[in-house]
C-alpha cells in the first residue's frame, strides 16, 4: 500500500490529524508542569500525623467527614471532567472535519515556505486557535469554579497571565520538536509511528529534568525551606522511602490558591520537594 508523506508534497497533503495528536501529547507533558490556574482537588485541611507504636515512623492520619460543600465540589468535578473530555475530543475533530485545519496548513505553507517552518507556523496557529476556543471552559474551570468554592485568591489578570505563559511555553516546545515525526515520516512511512514513540521517551525524560528548573520558575518564586526542623523531617522521611539527594523548596502558593499544598517534581539531579 502506498503511503503519501505530507512532507513530500506539503501543499496538497492533508495536514491535520497527526499534528493534533502529537500536539496533544506535548500538551500533556507540559501543562501539568505549568499548573496555570489548574483546578486540583487536593485536601486543604492539615492534620497532625501520629507516630506508630512500634517506633517505625508509620503514621495514622484522621480523615474528617466530607461536608455538603465537599460533596458538591466532588460531584460537579466529575461532571466537569466528562464535559472537558468530550470537548477535548470534539474540538480537534471539528477543526479537521470542517476544513479549518487545511486552511491553517495553507496559511502556514504560504508563511513558512519550507517544510520545517511550515510545520512550526501551523503549530503556532493551531495552538492559538484552540486556546481561544477553550478559553471560556478553562476560565470557568480554572478561575470561576475555584473562586466559588473559596479555593483561589488569584485575580483574573493573574490567572490569564499564567494561561498566556503556559500557552507560550507550549508553543515554543511544540514548534521546536514537532518536526521530528515528520522527518521520520519521510524516512520511514511504514514505521514512523514506532520511531516517534521511541523518540518520545528521551523527550519526556528531558521534560522531567528541565521542568523544575526552567518551566516552573516562570509561574512561581522558589526559595529555601524556612523551617529547618520540618525540612529535616521531610528529608528523613524521603530517605526512608528510598529517595536520596532530594531538596526541599518553599513557594508562596497560598497567594494564588488554597488547593495546592505540596508536590514532588524533577528527575535525578533536579528532583525536589516543594511546599
Protein backbone atom coordinates (compact mmCIF):
# COMPACT_ATOMS: atom_id res chain seq x y z
CA UNK A 1 0.00 0.00 0.00
CA UNK A 2 1.39 3.38 -0.98
CA UNK A 3 1.57 5.98 1.79
CA UNK A 4 1.98 9.62 0.79
CA UNK A 5 4.28 11.55 3.06
CA UNK A 6 2.96 15.03 3.95
CA UNK A 7 6.47 16.42 3.61
CA UNK A 8 6.97 15.37 0.01
CA UNK A 9 4.04 17.38 -1.32
CA UNK A 10 3.13 19.53 1.62
CA UNK A 11 0.84 21.93 -0.21
CA UNK A 12 -1.57 19.13 -1.15
CA UNK A 13 -1.20 16.94 1.91
CA UNK A 14 -3.97 16.52 4.46
CA UNK A 15 -2.02 18.22 7.22
CA UNK A 16 -4.13 17.96 10.32
CA UNK A 17 -4.92 14.83 12.24
CA UNK A 18 -1.38 13.62 13.02
CA UNK A 19 -0.21 17.04 14.28
CA UNK A 20 -3.27 17.32 16.51
CA UNK A 21 -2.45 14.01 18.17
CA UNK A 22 1.21 14.92 18.64
CA UNK A 23 0.41 18.40 19.93
CA UNK A 24 -1.97 16.81 22.43
CA UNK A 25 0.80 14.56 23.73
CA UNK A 26 3.10 17.56 24.06
CA UNK A 27 0.43 19.47 25.97
CA UNK A 28 0.02 16.57 28.40
CA UNK A 29 3.74 16.73 29.09
CA UNK A 30 3.90 20.50 29.51
CA UNK A 31 0.72 21.81 31.11
CA UNK A 32 0.77 19.69 34.28
CA UNK A 33 4.09 21.35 35.00
CA UNK A 34 2.74 24.81 34.48
CA UNK A 35 -0.38 24.46 36.64
CA UNK A 36 -1.72 27.65 35.14
CA UNK A 37 -4.90 28.01 37.13
CA UNK A 38 -5.33 24.25 37.43
CA UNK A 39 -8.29 23.08 39.49
CA UNK A 40 -6.77 20.41 41.70
CA UNK A 41 -8.98 18.55 44.21
CA UNK A 42 -6.31 18.34 46.92
CA UNK A 43 -7.20 18.36 50.58
CA UNK A 44 -6.61 21.72 52.22
CA UNK A 45 -7.04 20.86 55.90
CA UNK A 46 -3.75 19.95 57.57
CA UNK A 47 -3.79 17.21 60.23
CA UNK A 48 -1.07 16.00 62.58
CA UNK A 49 0.39 12.57 61.99
CA UNK A 50 0.60 10.16 64.93
CA UNK A 51 3.73 8.01 65.10
CA UNK A 52 3.20 4.28 65.14
CA UNK A 53 3.58 2.41 68.40
CA UNK A 54 6.44 0.33 67.00
CA UNK A 55 8.55 3.45 66.51
CA UNK A 56 8.87 2.84 62.79
CA UNK A 57 7.52 6.24 61.91
CA UNK A 58 4.28 4.87 60.46
CA UNK A 59 1.50 7.40 60.69
CA UNK A 60 -2.22 7.35 61.23
CA UNK A 61 -3.92 10.37 59.69
CA UNK A 62 -7.52 11.13 60.75
CA UNK A 63 -9.73 11.94 57.78
CA UNK A 64 -12.64 14.32 58.51
CA UNK A 65 -16.13 13.59 57.28
CA UNK A 66 -16.83 15.36 53.97
CA UNK A 67 -19.07 18.39 54.19
CA UNK A 68 -22.02 19.08 51.89
CA UNK A 69 -19.89 21.61 50.03
CA UNK A 70 -17.16 19.00 49.55
CA UNK A 71 -19.70 16.55 48.13
CA UNK A 72 -20.97 19.21 45.70
CA UNK A 73 -17.42 20.02 44.64
CA UNK A 74 -16.69 16.33 44.03
CA UNK A 75 -19.86 15.63 42.06
CA UNK A 76 -19.62 18.79 39.95
CA UNK A 77 -15.96 17.98 39.33
CA UNK A 78 -16.92 14.62 37.85
CA UNK A 79 -19.43 16.29 35.55
CA UNK A 80 -16.86 18.89 34.55
CA UNK A 81 -14.32 16.15 33.81
CA UNK A 82 -16.76 14.45 31.42
CA UNK A 83 -17.58 17.75 29.71
CA UNK A 84 -13.89 18.67 29.35
CA UNK A 85 -13.01 15.22 28.00
CA UNK A 86 -15.77 15.27 25.38
CA UNK A 87 -14.90 18.88 24.49
CA UNK A 88 -11.26 17.92 24.10
CA UNK A 89 -12.25 15.31 21.51
CA UNK A 90 -14.81 17.41 19.65
CA UNK A 91 -12.65 20.49 19.11
CA UNK A 92 -9.81 18.77 17.19
CA UNK A 93 -12.35 16.70 15.24
CA UNK A 94 -14.26 19.85 14.27
CA UNK A 95 -11.05 21.60 13.21
CA UNK A 96 -10.11 18.70 10.93
CA UNK A 97 -13.55 17.83 9.51
CA UNK A 98 -14.60 21.44 8.92
CA UNK A 99 -11.56 22.13 6.74
CA UNK A 100 -10.12 24.69 9.17
CA UNK A 101 -7.02 22.54 9.57
CA UNK A 102 -6.49 22.58 5.80
CA UNK A 103 -6.79 26.37 5.76
CA UNK A 104 -4.28 26.64 8.60
CA UNK A 105 -2.00 24.37 6.56
CA UNK A 106 -2.27 26.63 3.51
CA UNK A 107 -1.56 29.76 5.55
CA UNK A 108 1.39 28.03 7.22
CA UNK A 109 2.75 26.95 3.84
CA UNK A 110 2.46 30.49 2.48
CA UNK A 111 4.27 31.94 5.50
CA UNK A 112 6.76 29.18 6.20
CA UNK A 113 7.74 28.22 2.64
CA UNK A 114 9.94 25.21 3.52
CA UNK A 115 8.61 22.19 5.39
CA UNK A 116 10.30 22.93 8.73
CA UNK A 117 8.92 26.45 9.12
CA UNK A 118 5.58 25.37 7.67
CA UNK A 119 5.15 22.86 10.48
CA UNK A 120 6.24 25.42 13.09
CA UNK A 121 3.80 28.04 11.80
CA UNK A 122 0.97 25.50 11.68
CA UNK A 123 1.64 24.53 15.29
CA UNK A 124 1.52 28.18 16.41
CA UNK A 125 -1.71 28.87 14.52
CA UNK A 126 -3.38 25.69 15.77
CA UNK A 127 -2.44 26.23 19.42
CA UNK A 128 -3.60 29.86 19.30
CA UNK A 129 -6.92 28.81 17.79
CA UNK A 130 -7.53 26.06 20.35
CA UNK A 131 -6.55 28.43 23.17
CA UNK A 132 -9.27 30.86 22.08
CA UNK A 133 -11.87 28.11 21.62
CA UNK A 134 -11.10 26.56 25.00
CA UNK A 135 -10.86 29.89 26.85
CA UNK A 136 -14.48 30.00 28.17
CA UNK A 137 -14.30 26.46 29.55
CA UNK A 138 -10.81 26.97 31.01
CA UNK A 139 -11.93 30.28 32.54
CA UNK A 140 -14.80 28.56 34.30
CA UNK A 141 -12.73 25.54 35.34
CA UNK A 142 -9.60 27.39 36.43
CA UNK A 143 -10.99 30.70 37.70
CA UNK A 144 -14.74 30.84 38.33
CA UNK A 145 -15.16 27.44 39.98
CA UNK A 146 -12.18 27.68 42.41
CA UNK A 147 -13.33 31.13 43.49
CA UNK A 148 -16.87 29.85 44.03
CA UNK A 149 -15.53 27.25 46.47
CA UNK A 150 -13.03 29.55 48.16
CA UNK A 151 -10.01 27.73 46.75
CA UNK A 152 -8.43 30.55 44.77
CA UNK A 153 -7.11 34.02 45.58
CA UNK A 154 -5.94 34.87 42.06
CA UNK A 155 -7.13 37.93 40.26
CA UNK A 156 -8.44 37.50 36.74
CA UNK A 157 -5.34 39.22 35.41
CA UNK A 158 -3.03 36.82 37.26
CA UNK A 159 -4.95 33.79 36.04
CA UNK A 160 -4.96 35.00 32.44
CA UNK A 161 -1.27 35.86 32.63
CA UNK A 162 -0.44 32.32 33.78
CA UNK A 163 -2.59 30.91 30.97
CA UNK A 164 -0.72 33.00 28.40
CA UNK A 165 2.64 31.91 29.81
CA UNK A 166 1.59 28.27 29.64
CA UNK A 167 0.49 28.79 26.05
CA UNK A 168 3.81 30.42 25.16
CA UNK A 169 5.80 27.57 26.73
CA UNK A 170 3.73 25.01 24.82
CA UNK A 171 4.18 26.90 21.56
CA UNK A 172 7.95 27.11 21.91
CA UNK A 173 8.40 23.45 22.76
CA UNK A 174 5.89 22.16 20.20
CA UNK A 175 7.32 24.29 17.37
CA UNK A 176 10.81 23.12 18.31
CA UNK A 177 10.22 19.37 18.29
CA UNK A 178 7.17 18.60 16.16
CA UNK A 179 9.30 18.45 13.01
CA UNK A 180 10.83 15.18 14.28
CA UNK A 181 7.86 12.86 13.50
CA UNK A 182 7.52 14.43 10.05
CA UNK A 183 11.17 13.81 9.33
CA UNK A 184 10.66 10.23 10.48
CA UNK A 185 7.53 10.00 8.32
CA UNK A 186 9.60 10.92 5.28
CA UNK A 187 12.37 8.45 6.14
CA UNK A 188 10.12 5.55 7.17
CA UNK A 189 6.48 5.89 6.00
CA UNK A 190 5.57 2.44 7.33
CA UNK A 191 7.26 2.62 10.73
CA UNK A 192 7.26 6.32 11.55
CA UNK A 193 4.82 5.81 14.43
CA UNK A 194 7.19 3.31 16.08
CA UNK A 195 10.24 5.56 15.81
CA UNK A 196 8.20 8.53 17.02
CA UNK A 197 7.10 6.56 20.08
CA UNK A 198 10.68 5.60 20.85
CA UNK A 199 11.85 9.18 20.35
CA UNK A 200 9.17 10.39 22.78
CA UNK A 201 10.84 8.54 25.67
CA UNK A 202 14.01 10.68 25.87
CA UNK A 203 11.88 13.77 25.23
CA UNK A 204 9.67 13.03 28.24
CA UNK A 205 12.74 12.30 30.37
CA UNK A 206 14.21 15.64 29.30
CA UNK A 207 10.96 17.39 30.20
CA UNK A 208 11.02 15.84 33.68
CA UNK A 209 14.59 17.05 34.09
CA UNK A 210 14.14 20.65 32.97
CA UNK A 211 10.59 21.36 34.19
CA UNK A 212 11.53 22.20 37.80
CA UNK A 213 14.45 24.46 36.86
CA UNK A 214 13.28 26.12 33.62
CA UNK A 215 9.47 25.99 33.40
CA UNK A 216 8.16 26.05 36.98
CA UNK A 217 10.07 29.26 37.91
CA UNK A 218 8.10 31.08 35.20
CA UNK A 219 4.99 30.67 37.36
CA UNK A 220 6.29 30.72 40.95
CA UNK A 221 9.17 32.13 43.01
CA UNK A 222 11.01 29.29 44.75
CA UNK A 223 13.14 29.70 47.84
CA UNK A 224 14.80 27.59 50.54
CA UNK A 225 12.70 25.96 53.24
CA UNK A 226 12.45 28.37 56.19
CA UNK A 227 11.51 25.77 58.80
CA UNK A 228 14.75 23.77 59.02
CA UNK A 229 13.34 21.31 61.55
CA UNK A 230 10.45 20.45 59.20
CA UNK A 231 12.90 20.21 56.30
CA UNK A 232 14.99 17.67 58.21
CA UNK A 233 11.89 15.58 58.97
CA UNK A 234 10.81 15.63 55.31
CA UNK A 235 14.27 14.59 54.07
CA UNK A 236 14.41 11.81 56.67
CA UNK A 237 11.01 10.54 55.52
CA UNK A 238 12.14 10.67 51.90
CA UNK A 239 15.29 8.74 52.75
CA UNK A 240 13.24 6.01 54.46
CA UNK A 241 11.18 5.80 51.26
CA UNK A 242 14.37 5.25 49.24
CA UNK A 243 14.58 8.80 47.84
CA UNK A 244 18.06 10.22 48.35
CA UNK A 245 19.52 13.52 47.26
CA UNK A 246 16.26 15.42 47.12
CA UNK A 247 15.95 19.07 48.09
CA UNK A 248 13.09 20.91 49.77
CA UNK A 249 11.86 24.24 48.41
CA UNK A 250 9.21 26.64 49.63
CA UNK A 251 6.89 28.72 47.45
CA UNK A 252 4.21 31.20 48.50
CA UNK A 253 1.47 29.48 46.53
CA UNK A 254 -1.18 30.50 49.06
CA UNK A 255 -1.11 33.94 47.46
CA UNK A 256 -2.81 32.31 44.45
CA UNK A 257 -4.62 29.19 45.63
CA UNK A 258 -5.68 27.15 48.65
CA UNK A 259 -5.96 23.89 46.69
CA UNK A 260 -2.25 23.06 46.32
CA UNK A 261 -0.18 22.28 49.41
CA UNK A 262 2.81 20.23 48.20
CA UNK A 263 4.20 18.32 45.26
CA UNK A 264 7.27 16.42 44.09
CA UNK A 265 8.93 17.13 40.74
CA UNK A 266 12.13 16.54 38.82
CA UNK A 267 14.38 13.64 37.99
CA UNK A 268 17.90 12.70 39.01
CA UNK A 269 19.73 15.95 39.84
CA UNK A 270 16.65 18.16 39.55
CA UNK A 271 14.34 16.21 41.86
CA UNK A 272 12.79 18.35 44.56
CA UNK A 273 10.01 18.54 47.13
CA UNK A 274 8.03 21.75 47.04
CA UNK A 275 5.81 23.03 49.86
